[in-house]
PDB file of N, CA and C in Angstrom:
ATOM      1  N   MET A   1      19.864   2.004   5.835  1.00  0.00           N
ATOM      2  CA  MET A   1      19.210   1.778   4.562  1.00  0.00           C
ATOM      3  C   MET A   1      18.551   3.085   4.126  1.00  0.00           C
ATOM      4  N   THR A   2      18.781   3.488   2.913  1.00  0.00           N
ATOM      5  CA  THR A   2      18.196   4.724   2.406  1.00  0.00           C
ATOM      6  C   THR A   2      16.875   4.427   1.728  1.00  0.00           C
ATOM      7  N   GLN A   3      15.933   5.322   1.930  1.00  0.00           N
ATOM      8  CA  GLN A   3      14.630   5.169   1.295  1.00  0.00           C
ATOM      9  C   GLN A   3      14.655   5.823  -0.071  1.00  0.00           C
ATOM     10  N   THR A   4      13.935   5.213  -0.990  1.00  0.00           N
ATOM     11  CA  THR A   4      13.838   5.788  -2.323  1.00  0.00           C
ATOM     12  C   THR A   4      12.774   6.871  -2.316  1.00  0.00           C
ATOM     13  N   PRO A   5      12.829   7.807  -3.247  1.00  0.00           N
ATOM     14  CA  PRO A   5      11.784   8.836  -3.307  1.00  0.00           C
ATOM     15  C   PRO A   5      10.443   8.204  -3.666  1.00  0.00           C
ATOM     16  N   PRO A   6       9.346   8.857  -3.321  1.00  0.00           N
ATOM     17  CA  PRO A   6       8.023   8.294  -3.625  1.00  0.00           C
ATOM     18  C   PRO A   6       7.871   7.993  -5.115  1.00  0.00           C
ATOM     19  N   ALA A   7       7.195   6.895  -5.399  1.00  0.00           N
ATOM     20  CA  ALA A   7       7.007   6.456  -6.782  1.00  0.00           C
ATOM     21  C   ALA A   7       6.023   7.368  -7.506  1.00  0.00           C
ATOM     22  N   LYS A   8       6.197   7.475  -8.816  1.00  0.00           N
ATOM     23  CA  LYS A   8       5.270   8.247  -9.634  1.00  0.00           C
ATOM     24  C   LYS A   8       3.977   7.462  -9.790  1.00  0.00           C
ATOM     25  N   LYS A   9       2.883   8.187 -10.065  1.00  0.00           N
ATOM     26  CA  LYS A   9       1.574   7.541 -10.174  1.00  0.00           C
ATOM     27  C   LYS A   9       1.549   6.489 -11.275  1.00  0.00           C
ATOM     28  N   THR A  10       2.183   6.790 -12.407  1.00  0.00           N
ATOM     29  CA  THR A  10       2.178   5.809 -13.500  1.00  0.00           C
ATOM     30  C   THR A  10       2.920   4.542 -13.104  1.00  0.00           C
ATOM     31  N   ASN A  11       4.008   4.688 -12.369  1.00  0.00           N
ATOM     32  CA  ASN A  11       4.748   3.512 -11.919  1.00  0.00           C
ATOM     33  C   ASN A  11       3.955   2.707 -10.899  1.00  0.00           C
ATOM     34  N   VAL A  12       3.193   3.397 -10.066  1.00  0.00           N
ATOM     35  CA  VAL A  12       2.382   2.706  -9.066  1.00  0.00           C
ATOM     36  C   VAL A  12       1.301   1.881  -9.753  1.00  0.00           C
ATOM     37  N   PHE A  13       0.610   2.468 -10.733  1.00  0.00           N
ATOM     38  CA  PHE A  13      -0.440   1.723 -11.428  1.00  0.00           C
ATOM     39  C   PHE A  13       0.151   0.595 -12.269  1.00  0.00           C
ATOM     40  N   ARG A  14       1.291   0.849 -12.900  1.00  0.00           N
ATOM     41  CA  ARG A  14       1.951  -0.205 -13.679  1.00  0.00           C
ATOM     42  C   ARG A  14       2.332  -1.364 -12.765  1.00  0.00           C
ATOM     43  N   SER A  15       2.804  -1.048 -11.586  1.00  0.00           N
ATOM     44  CA  SER A  15       3.185  -2.069 -10.623  1.00  0.00           C
ATOM     45  C   SER A  15       1.969  -2.855 -10.143  1.00  0.00           C
ATOM     46  N   ALA A  16       0.850  -2.156  -9.917  1.00  0.00           N
ATOM     47  CA  ALA A  16      -0.371  -2.828  -9.465  1.00  0.00           C
ATOM     48  C   ALA A  16      -0.895  -3.784 -10.529  1.00  0.00           C
ATOM     49  N   VAL A  17      -0.881  -3.358 -11.784  1.00  0.00           N
ATOM     50  CA  VAL A  17      -1.352  -4.224 -12.871  1.00  0.00           C
ATOM     51  C   VAL A  17      -0.419  -5.420 -13.030  1.00  0.00           C
ATOM     52  N   ALA A  18       0.876  -5.183 -12.987  1.00  0.00           N
ATOM     53  CA  ALA A  18       1.840  -6.272 -13.128  1.00  0.00           C
ATOM     54  C   ALA A  18       1.699  -7.281 -11.991  1.00  0.00           C
ATOM     55  N   ALA A  19       1.490  -6.796 -10.787  1.00  0.00           N
ATOM     56  CA  ALA A  19       1.310  -7.692  -9.648  1.00  0.00           C
ATOM     57  C   ALA A  19       0.020  -8.488  -9.779  1.00  0.00           C
ATOM     58  N   MET A  20      -1.029  -7.851 -10.272  1.00  0.00           N
ATOM     59  CA  MET A  20      -2.305  -8.548 -10.447  1.00  0.00           C
ATOM     60  C   MET A  20      -2.190  -9.660 -11.490  1.00  0.00           C
ATOM     61  N   LEU A  21      -1.428  -9.410 -12.544  1.00  0.00           N
ATOM     62  CA  LEU A  21      -1.252 -10.401 -13.598  1.00  0.00           C
ATOM     63  C   LEU A  21      -0.163 -11.420 -13.262  1.00  0.00           C
ATOM     64  N   GLY A  22       0.593 -11.164 -12.219  1.00  0.00           N
ATOM     65  CA  GLY A  22       1.629 -12.092 -11.799  1.00  0.00           C
ATOM     66  C   GLY A  22       2.910 -11.987 -12.595  1.00  0.00           C
ATOM     67  N   VAL A  23       3.161 -10.839 -13.195  1.00  0.00           N
ATOM     68  CA  VAL A  23       4.363 -10.668 -14.006  1.00  0.00           C
ATOM     69  C   VAL A  23       5.286  -9.596 -13.432  1.00  0.00           C
ATOM     70  N   GLN A  24       5.158  -9.314 -12.168  1.00  0.00           N
ATOM     71  CA  GLN A  24       5.989  -8.298 -11.516  1.00  0.00           C
ATOM     72  C   GLN A  24       7.422  -8.817 -11.411  1.00  0.00           C
ATOM     73  N   SER A  25       8.378  -8.050 -11.875  1.00  0.00           N
ATOM     74  CA  SER A  25       9.778  -8.471 -11.788  1.00  0.00           C
ATOM     75  C   SER A  25      10.262  -8.346 -10.340  1.00  0.00           C
ATOM     76  N   ASP A  26      11.260  -9.134 -10.027  1.00  0.00           N
ATOM     77  CA  ASP A  26      11.798  -9.119  -8.671  1.00  0.00           C
ATOM     78  C   ASP A  26      12.399  -7.754  -8.338  1.00  0.00           C
ATOM     79  N   GLN A  27      13.044  -7.140  -9.311  1.00  0.00           N
ATOM     80  CA  GLN A  27      13.644  -5.817  -9.101  1.00  0.00           C
ATOM     81  C   GLN A  27      12.565  -4.776  -8.793  1.00  0.00           C
ATOM     82  N   ASN A  28      11.466  -4.778  -9.549  1.00  0.00           N
ATOM     83  CA  ASN A  28      10.376  -3.822  -9.302  1.00  0.00           C
ATOM     84  C   ASN A  28       9.701  -4.086  -7.964  1.00  0.00           C
ATOM     85  N   ARG A  29       9.559  -5.358  -7.613  1.00  0.00           N
ATOM     86  CA  ARG A  29       8.946  -5.697  -6.329  1.00  0.00           C
ATOM     87  C   ARG A  29       9.788  -5.159  -5.179  1.00  0.00           C
ATOM     88  N   HIS A  30      11.093  -5.334  -5.249  1.00  0.00           N
ATOM     89  CA  HIS A  30      11.975  -4.796  -4.207  1.00  0.00           C
ATOM     90  C   HIS A  30      11.899  -3.274  -4.164  1.00  0.00           C
ATOM     91  N   GLN A  31      11.839  -2.653  -5.320  1.00  0.00           N
ATOM     92  CA  GLN A  31      11.728  -1.194  -5.383  1.00  0.00           C
ATOM     93  C   GLN A  31      10.413  -0.730  -4.745  1.00  0.00           C
ATOM     94  N   ASP A  32       9.325  -1.465  -5.008  1.00  0.00           N
ATOM     95  CA  ASP A  32       8.028  -1.110  -4.432  1.00  0.00           C
ATOM     96  C   ASP A  32       8.034  -1.250  -2.915  1.00  0.00           C
ATOM     97  N   PHE A  33       8.658  -2.311  -2.408  1.00  0.00           N
ATOM     98  CA  PHE A  33       8.669  -2.533  -0.968  1.00  0.00           C
ATOM     99  C   PHE A  33       9.578  -1.554  -0.235  1.00  0.00           C
ATOM    100  N   ASN A  34      10.442  -0.867  -0.942  1.00  0.00           N
ATOM    101  CA  ASN A  34      11.306   0.139  -0.317  1.00  0.00           C
ATOM    102  C   ASN A  34      10.682   1.527  -0.303  1.00  0.00           C
ATOM    103  N   GLN A  35       9.460   1.659  -0.770  1.00  0.00           N
ATOM    104  CA  GLN A  35       8.778   2.956  -0.774  1.00  0.00           C
ATOM    105  C   GLN A  35       8.399   3.335   0.655  1.00  0.00           C
ATOM    106  N   PRO A  36       8.306   4.627   0.929  1.00  0.00           N
ATOM    107  CA  PRO A  36       8.005   5.070   2.294  1.00  0.00           C
ATOM    108  C   PRO A  36       6.584   4.735   2.753  1.00  0.00           C
ATOM    109  N   SER A  37       5.651   4.562   1.824  1.00  0.00           N
ATOM    110  CA  SER A  37       4.267   4.301   2.212  1.00  0.00           C
ATOM    111  C   SER A  37       3.638   3.285   1.267  1.00  0.00           C
ATOM    112  N   ALA A  38       2.826   2.404   1.822  1.00  0.00           N
ATOM    113  CA  ALA A  38       2.121   1.408   1.013  1.00  0.00           C
ATOM    114  C   ALA A  38       0.785   1.943   0.498  1.00  0.00           C
ATOM    115  N   LEU A  39       0.338   3.070   1.018  1.00  0.00           N
ATOM    116  CA  LEU A  39      -0.985   3.593   0.667  1.00  0.00           C
ATOM    117  C   LEU A  39      -1.193   3.789  -0.835  1.00  0.00           C
ATOM    118  N   PRO A  40      -0.255   4.383  -1.579  1.00  0.00           N
ATOM    119  CA  PRO A  40      -0.494   4.538  -3.021  1.00  0.00           C
ATOM    120  C   PRO A  40      -0.688   3.204  -3.734  1.00  0.00           C
ATOM    121  N   PHE A  41       0.021   2.171  -3.301  1.00  0.00           N
ATOM    122  CA  PHE A  41      -0.101   0.862  -3.926  1.00  0.00           C
ATOM    123  C   PHE A  41      -1.432   0.201  -3.573  1.00  0.00           C
ATOM    124  N   ILE A  42      -1.902   0.419  -2.364  1.00  0.00           N
ATOM    125  CA  ILE A  42      -3.202  -0.119  -1.958  1.00  0.00           C
ATOM    126  C   ILE A  42      -4.312   0.544  -2.757  1.00  0.00           C
ATOM    127  N   VAL A  43      -4.265   1.857  -2.875  1.00  0.00           N
ATOM    128  CA  VAL A  43      -5.279   2.590  -3.641  1.00  0.00           C
ATOM    129  C   VAL A  43      -5.236   2.171  -5.107  1.00  0.00           C
ATOM    130  N   ALA A  44      -4.044   2.091  -5.677  1.00  0.00           N
ATOM    131  CA  ALA A  44      -3.915   1.689  -7.083  1.00  0.00           C
ATOM    132  C   ALA A  44      -4.436   0.272  -7.288  1.00  0.00           C
ATOM    133  N   GLY A  45      -4.148  -0.615  -6.361  1.00  0.00           N
ATOM    134  CA  GLY A  45      -4.650  -1.985  -6.454  1.00  0.00           C
ATOM    135  C   GLY A  45      -6.163  -2.040  -6.422  1.00  0.00           C
ATOM    136  N   LEU A  46      -6.769  -1.256  -5.548  1.00  0.00           N
ATOM    137  CA  LEU A  46      -8.231  -1.219  -5.475  1.00  0.00           C
ATOM    138  C   LEU A  46      -8.834  -0.652  -6.756  1.00  0.00           C
ATOM    139  N   VAL A  47      -8.227   0.396  -7.298  1.00  0.00           N
ATOM    140  CA  VAL A  47      -8.722   0.987  -8.548  1.00  0.00           C
ATOM    141  C   VAL A  47      -8.615  -0.017  -9.690  1.00  0.00           C
ATOM    142  N   VAL A  48      -7.495  -0.719  -9.774  1.00  0.00           N
ATOM    143  CA  VAL A  48      -7.302  -1.710 -10.836  1.00  0.00           C
ATOM    144  C   VAL A  48      -8.325  -2.833 -10.706  1.00  0.00           C
ATOM    145  N   ILE A  49      -8.604  -3.272  -9.495  1.00  0.00           N
ATOM    146  CA  ILE A  49      -9.587  -4.340  -9.289  1.00  0.00           C
ATOM    147  C   ILE A  49     -10.983  -3.866  -9.667  1.00  0.00           C
ATOM    148  N   VAL A  50     -11.352  -2.644  -9.298  1.00  0.00           N
ATOM    149  CA  VAL A  50     -12.670  -2.107  -9.656  1.00  0.00           C
ATOM    150  C   VAL A  50     -12.806  -2.012 -11.172  1.00  0.00           C
ATOM    151  N   ILE A  51     -11.773  -1.542 -11.846  1.00  0.00           N
ATOM    152  CA  ILE A  51     -11.817  -1.461 -13.312  1.00  0.00           C
ATOM    153  C   ILE A  51     -11.932  -2.857 -13.914  1.00  0.00           C
ATOM    154  N   PHE A  52     -11.187  -3.811 -13.398  1.00  0.00           N
ATOM    155  CA  PHE A  52     -11.231  -5.185 -13.891  1.00  0.00           C
ATOM    156  C   PHE A  52     -12.623  -5.783 -13.739  1.00  0.00           C
ATOM    157  N   VAL A  53     -13.230  -5.608 -12.578  1.00  0.00           N
ATOM    158  CA  VAL A  53     -14.579  -6.135 -12.340  1.00  0.00           C
ATOM    159  C   VAL A  53     -15.590  -5.440 -13.246  1.00  0.00           C
ATOM    160  N   ALA A  54     -15.465  -4.132 -13.427  1.00  0.00           N
ATOM    161  CA  ALA A  54     -16.382  -3.400 -14.307  1.00  0.00           C
ATOM    162  C   ALA A  54     -16.267  -3.895 -15.746  1.00  0.00           C
ATOM    163  N   VAL A  55     -15.054  -4.169 -16.193  1.00  0.00           N
ATOM    164  CA  VAL A  55     -14.864  -4.701 -17.552  1.00  0.00           C
ATOM    165  C   VAL A  55     -15.494  -6.081 -17.667  1.00  0.00           C
ATOM    166  N   LEU A  56     -15.309  -6.922 -16.666  1.00  0.00           N
ATOM    167  CA  LEU A  56     -15.920  -8.253 -16.697  1.00  0.00           C
ATOM    168  C   LEU A  56     -17.442  -8.170 -16.719  1.00  0.00           C
ATOM    169  N   ILE A  57     -18.014  -7.280 -15.937  1.00  0.00           N
ATOM    170  CA  ILE A  57     -19.468  -7.099 -15.931  1.00  0.00           C
ATOM    171  C   ILE A  57     -19.932  -6.600 -17.289  1.00  0.00           C
ATOM    172  N   GLY A  58     -19.229  -5.641 -17.865  1.00  0.00           N
ATOM    173  CA  GLY A  58     -19.589  -5.121 -19.182  1.00  0.00           C
ATOM    174  C   GLY A  58     -19.528  -6.190 -20.256  1.00  0.00           C
ATOM    175  N   ILE A  59     -18.492  -6.999 -20.240  1.00  0.00           N
ATOM    176  CA  ILE A  59     -18.370  -8.075 -21.232  1.00  0.00           C
ATOM    177  C   ILE A  59     -19.481  -9.095 -21.055  1.00  0.00           C
ATOM    178  N   SER A  60     -19.771  -9.466 -19.820  1.00  0.00           N
ATOM    179  CA  SER A  60     -20.815 -10.467 -19.595  1.00  0.00           C
ATOM    180  C   SER A  60     -22.189  -9.937 -19.991  1.00  0.00           C
ATOM    181  N   GLN A  61     -22.455  -8.661 -19.760  1.00  0.00           N
ATOM    182  CA  GLN A  61     -23.734  -8.091 -20.190  1.00  0.00           C
ATOM    183  C   GLN A  61     -23.811  -7.992 -21.703  1.00  0.00           C
ATOM    184  N   PHE A  62     -22.704  -7.704 -22.364  1.00  0.00           N
ATOM    185  CA  PHE A  62     -22.671  -7.637 -23.823  1.00  0.00           C
ATOM    186  C   PHE A  62     -22.920  -9.018 -24.424  1.00  0.00           C
ATOM    187  N   VAL A  63     -22.305 -10.042 -23.855  1.00  0.00           N
ATOM    188  CA  VAL A  63     -22.461 -11.401 -24.370  1.00  0.00           C
ATOM    189  C   VAL A  63     -23.866 -11.920 -24.088  1.00  0.00           C
ATOM    190  N   ALA A  64     -24.424 -11.601 -22.923  1.00  0.00           N
ATOM    191  CA  ALA A  64     -25.756 -12.086 -22.556  1.00  0.00           C
ATOM    192  C   ALA A  64     -26.844 -11.382 -23.354  1.00  0.00           C
ATOM    193  N   GLY A  65     -26.526 -10.280 -23.935  1.00  0.00           N
ATOM    194  CA  GLY A  65     -27.500  -9.579 -24.781  1.00  0.00           C
ATOM    195  C   GLY A  65     -28.176  -8.530 -24.027  1.00  0.00           C
TER     196      GLY A  65
END
């Protein structure tokens, strides 16, 4: 089995957001799992979650006054 070249940063973040929203295509998921390292996807996932939580906190503080 041949390994694919490392994914670009934009593709990694796009994949993390799509996975978080549950709209990741089967083809992209297979492509992600064939990457040589899971570390970029873990980091991107953590960054996306931190941004998501920060947005939720900001919205709740804006609504609460």
